[in-house]
Amino acid sequence: MADDTARGVIDHLVVGAASLEAGRRWADAVLGVAPGGSGAHPTMGTVNLLWNLGGAYLEVIAVDPGAPHPGRPRWFGLDDPGVQARIAQRPRLLTWVARPSQPLAEAAAASPVDPGPVERHHRGELFWHLTVARDGHPPLSGAMPSLIEWPEGVAPPPDRLPPCGLALRRLTLPDRPELAAALEVLGVRGCVTIDPGASGLSAVIGTPGGEVTLD
């Protein structure tokens, strides 16, 4: 993936799991690589595991059973009964997050698909700004990315996570109204493939054991 000062890039993929332990077992079986990082999000009552994908990263995220409810819908649809039923079967690729080519507030305002308001979130001492829909659901059923901006001087996770032999090969999105136009505005159209025949989003990841598809 190219320099993100020139264009928008894929920041990370979001896989939802019924629990962090379920996500860890799934990753062991599918990726065959231990996570390079983990943490908790007190503003959303979630926990995660992270893997370097070589310019982007993979996040496996779950509700933190030991944290109080945030008093609002959690991000990535994790409070939605339909999503909960799907991830109870196995971890699922729920959506993706992009770093747009322009300042975050400008990108969110210019997008023909509303990504939601810009919010400040943190994990430990690390903080970032992210668009989160008010109802917690990823826009366009996850095909439209949430938008993120890391503060100046703070290295994004791909620059901090240790290499682990994983690489993002391809991200394919279903065709949705105004999606292509939104990605063009955000500067990330060239990062992904829009497939009119796809029923949902999928990602191909190169692993030490060969390529695997996340969906």
Protein backbone atom coordinates (compact mmCIF):
# COMPACT_ATOMS: atom_id res chain seq x y z
CA MET A 1 0.00 0.00 0.00
CA ALA A 2 1.24 3.44 -0.87
CA ASP A 3 2.20 6.40 1.25
CA ASP A 4 -0.90 7.67 3.01
CA THR A 5 0.17 11.29 2.50
CA ALA A 6 -0.57 10.82 -1.22
CA ARG A 7 -3.95 9.14 -0.98
CA GLY A 8 -6.31 7.46 1.41
CA VAL A 9 -5.48 3.97 2.60
CA ILE A 10 -7.03 1.01 4.34
CA ASP A 11 -6.28 1.47 8.03
CA HIS A 12 -7.64 -1.83 9.29
CA LEU A 13 -10.15 -4.65 8.94
CA VAL A 14 -12.68 -5.30 11.71
CA VAL A 15 -13.60 -8.88 12.62
CA GLY A 16 -16.29 -9.28 15.27
CA ALA A 17 -16.18 -12.21 17.70
CA ALA A 18 -18.56 -13.45 20.39
CA SER A 19 -15.71 -13.24 22.91
CA LEU A 20 -12.04 -12.40 22.82
CA GLU A 21 -11.17 -16.03 23.52
CA ALA A 22 -13.37 -17.16 20.62
CA GLY A 23 -11.57 -14.66 18.42
CA ARG A 24 -8.18 -15.91 19.57
CA ARG A 25 -9.08 -19.55 18.84
CA TRP A 26 -10.40 -18.59 15.40
CA ALA A 27 -7.23 -16.66 14.59
CA ASP A 28 -5.03 -19.53 15.72
CA ALA A 29 -6.90 -21.87 13.38
CA VAL A 30 -7.30 -19.54 10.38
CA LEU A 31 -4.21 -17.32 10.50
CA GLY A 32 -1.82 -19.52 12.43
CA VAL A 33 -0.15 -16.46 13.93
CA ALA A 34 -0.28 -15.06 17.46
CA PRO A 35 -1.60 -11.48 17.87
CA GLY A 36 0.93 -8.69 18.14
CA GLY A 37 -1.15 -6.45 20.39
CA SER A 38 -4.30 -6.19 22.46
CA GLY A 39 -6.24 -3.65 24.46
CA ALA A 40 -9.53 -2.33 25.80
CA HIS A 41 -11.78 0.57 24.76
CA PRO A 42 -13.40 2.06 27.88
CA THR A 43 -15.57 4.45 25.86
CA MET A 44 -17.23 1.51 24.06
CA GLY A 45 -16.89 -1.42 26.45
CA THR A 46 -14.94 -3.57 23.98
CA VAL A 47 -11.62 -5.42 23.84
CA ASN A 48 -9.47 -6.38 20.88
CA LEU A 49 -6.55 -8.32 19.46
CA LEU A 50 -4.35 -6.91 16.68
CA TRP A 51 -2.22 -8.31 13.84
CA ASN A 52 0.07 -6.45 11.43
CA LEU A 53 -1.04 -6.92 7.81
CA GLY A 54 1.88 -5.10 6.22
CA GLY A 55 0.66 -1.50 5.84
CA ALA A 56 -2.73 -2.15 7.43
CA TYR A 57 -3.80 -4.25 10.40
CA LEU A 58 -6.44 -6.73 11.49
CA GLU A 59 -8.57 -6.12 14.55
CA VAL A 60 -10.58 -8.89 16.21
CA ILE A 61 -13.02 -7.14 18.53
CA ALA A 62 -15.53 -8.35 21.11
CA VAL A 63 -17.70 -6.97 23.88
CA ASP A 64 -15.79 -6.74 27.17
CA PRO A 65 -17.90 -8.70 29.68
CA GLY A 66 -16.17 -6.99 32.58
CA ALA A 67 -16.85 -3.43 31.41
CA PRO A 68 -20.01 -1.40 32.04
CA HIS A 69 -22.30 -0.81 29.09
CA PRO A 70 -21.33 2.47 27.41
CA GLY A 71 -24.91 3.75 27.51
CA ARG A 72 -25.11 3.90 23.73
CA PRO A 73 -24.93 1.39 20.86
CA ARG A 74 -21.44 -0.06 20.62
CA TRP A 75 -19.53 0.46 17.39
CA PHE A 76 -19.47 -1.98 14.48
CA GLY A 77 -22.99 -3.21 15.29
CA LEU A 78 -21.83 -5.33 18.23
CA ASP A 79 -25.08 -4.70 20.14
CA ASP A 80 -27.27 -5.69 17.19
CA PRO A 81 -29.01 -9.07 17.77
CA GLY A 82 -28.47 -10.06 14.14
CA VAL A 83 -24.75 -9.37 14.35
CA GLN A 84 -24.55 -11.18 17.67
CA ALA A 85 -26.22 -14.24 16.13
CA ARG A 86 -23.76 -14.24 13.22
CA ILE A 87 -20.63 -13.91 15.33
CA ALA A 88 -21.92 -16.56 17.75
CA GLN A 89 -21.47 -19.03 14.86
CA ARG A 90 -17.92 -17.84 14.11
CA PRO A 91 -16.00 -14.56 13.93
CA ARG A 92 -17.07 -12.43 10.95
CA LEU A 93 -15.56 -9.63 8.89
CA LEU A 94 -17.94 -6.81 9.84
CA THR A 95 -16.44 -3.76 8.15
CA TRP A 96 -13.24 -1.85 7.49
CA VAL A 97 -11.70 1.46 8.50
CA ALA A 98 -9.98 3.91 6.15
CA ARG A 99 -7.64 6.86 6.56
CA PRO A 100 -8.94 9.39 4.01
CA SER A 101 -6.67 11.55 1.89
CA GLN A 102 -7.95 14.79 3.47
CA PRO A 103 -8.52 15.92 7.07
CA LEU A 104 -11.09 13.71 8.76
CA ALA A 105 -13.79 16.31 9.39
CA GLU A 106 -13.57 17.51 5.78
CA ALA A 107 -13.71 13.95 4.45
CA ALA A 108 -16.74 13.05 6.55
CA ALA A 109 -18.59 16.19 5.46
CA ALA A 110 -17.77 15.66 1.77
CA SER A 111 -18.73 11.99 1.59
CA PRO A 112 -22.04 11.27 -0.20
CA VAL A 113 -22.51 8.40 2.28
CA ASP A 114 -22.78 9.66 5.86
CA PRO A 115 -20.10 7.88 7.93
CA GLY A 116 -21.43 9.29 11.20
CA PRO A 117 -20.06 12.00 13.47
CA VAL A 118 -16.37 12.26 14.33
CA GLU A 119 -15.61 11.10 17.88
CA ARG A 120 -12.50 10.87 20.05
CA HIS A 121 -11.69 7.43 21.45
CA HIS A 122 -8.75 5.97 23.30
CA ARG A 123 -7.02 2.78 24.40
CA GLY A 124 -4.68 3.43 27.29
CA GLU A 125 -2.66 6.52 26.40
CA LEU A 126 -3.28 6.10 22.67
CA PHE A 127 -6.11 8.14 21.17
CA TRP A 128 -7.61 8.69 17.74
CA HIS A 129 -10.59 10.26 15.99
CA LEU A 130 -13.13 7.97 14.32
CA THR A 131 -16.51 8.30 12.65
CA VAL A 132 -19.17 6.24 14.43
CA ALA A 133 -22.80 6.07 13.31
CA ARG A 134 -25.21 7.06 16.06
CA ASP A 135 -27.00 3.72 15.88
CA GLY A 136 -23.68 1.85 15.99
CA HIS A 137 -24.18 0.14 12.64
CA PRO A 138 -21.43 0.35 10.01
CA PRO A 139 -22.68 2.37 7.00
CA LEU A 140 -23.97 0.36 4.03
CA SER A 141 -23.87 -2.86 6.08
CA GLY A 142 -20.11 -2.55 6.47
CA ALA A 143 -19.21 -1.86 2.83
CA MET A 144 -18.63 1.84 3.58
CA PRO A 145 -15.65 2.28 5.89
CA SER A 146 -15.55 4.11 9.14
CA LEU A 147 -13.03 6.94 8.83
CA ILE A 148 -10.08 7.36 11.18
CA GLU A 149 -7.44 9.97 11.87
CA TRP A 150 -4.42 9.32 14.05
CA PRO A 151 -2.98 12.37 15.82
CA GLU A 152 0.10 14.02 14.38
CA GLY A 153 3.26 12.43 15.68
CA VAL A 154 1.54 9.18 16.68
CA ALA A 155 2.45 6.12 14.63
CA PRO A 156 -0.60 4.10 13.54
CA PRO A 157 -0.72 0.44 14.64
CA PRO A 158 0.85 -1.00 11.45
CA ASP A 159 3.99 1.00 12.30
CA ARG A 160 4.00 -0.27 15.90
CA LEU A 161 2.85 -3.87 15.61
CA PRO A 162 5.59 -6.45 14.97
CA PRO A 163 5.64 -8.10 11.53
CA CYS A 164 4.02 -11.53 11.74
CA GLY A 165 4.01 -12.91 8.21
CA LEU A 166 0.49 -11.71 7.35
CA ALA A 167 -0.37 -9.43 4.42
CA LEU A 168 -3.61 -7.99 3.09
CA ARG A 169 -3.87 -9.09 -0.54
CA ARG A 170 -7.33 -7.91 -1.50
CA LEU A 171 -10.47 -6.32 -0.05
CA THR A 172 -13.67 -6.86 -2.04
CA LEU A 173 -16.86 -4.91 -1.38
CA PRO A 174 -20.44 -5.45 -2.55
CA ASP A 175 -21.83 -2.78 -4.86
CA ARG A 176 -23.97 -0.37 -2.86
CA PRO A 177 -25.63 2.95 -3.83
CA GLU A 178 -23.09 5.81 -3.83
CA LEU A 179 -20.29 3.60 -2.47
CA ALA A 180 -17.94 4.12 -5.42
CA ALA A 181 -18.55 7.88 -5.33
CA ALA A 182 -17.88 8.00 -1.59
CA LEU A 183 -14.62 6.08 -1.92
CA GLU A 184 -13.55 8.38 -4.75
CA VAL A 185 -14.16 11.45 -2.57
CA LEU A 186 -12.22 9.87 0.30
CA GLY A 187 -9.30 8.96 -1.95
CA VAL A 188 -9.52 5.23 -1.21
CA ARG A 189 -11.22 3.95 -4.37
CA GLY A 190 -8.02 2.37 -5.66
CA CYS A 191 -7.47 0.36 -2.47
CA VAL A 192 -10.42 -1.95 -2.96
CA THR A 193 -12.48 -3.82 -5.54
CA ILE A 194 -16.24 -3.31 -5.83
CA ASP A 195 -17.90 -6.47 -7.11
CA PRO A 196 -21.57 -6.19 -8.17
CA GLY A 197 -21.91 -9.93 -7.66
CA ALA A 198 -20.62 -9.96 -4.08
CA SER A 199 -23.20 -10.43 -1.34
CA GLY A 200 -20.94 -9.03 1.37
CA LEU A 201 -17.42 -7.85 1.99
CA SER A 202 -14.46 -10.24 1.99
CA ALA A 203 -10.70 -9.99 2.38
CA VAL A 204 -7.90 -12.23 1.19
CA ILE A 205 -5.01 -12.47 3.64
CA GLY A 206 -1.63 -14.00 2.91
CA THR A 207 -0.45 -16.16 5.83
CA PRO A 208 2.60 -18.38 6.40
CA GLY A 209 0.36 -21.31 5.47
CA GLY A 210 -1.11 -19.76 2.31
CA GLU A 211 -3.95 -17.40 1.44
CA VAL A 212 -7.17 -17.38 3.46
CA THR A 213 -10.43 -15.52 2.89
CA LEU A 214 -12.16 -13.61 5.68
CA ASP A 215 -15.88 -12.90 5.34
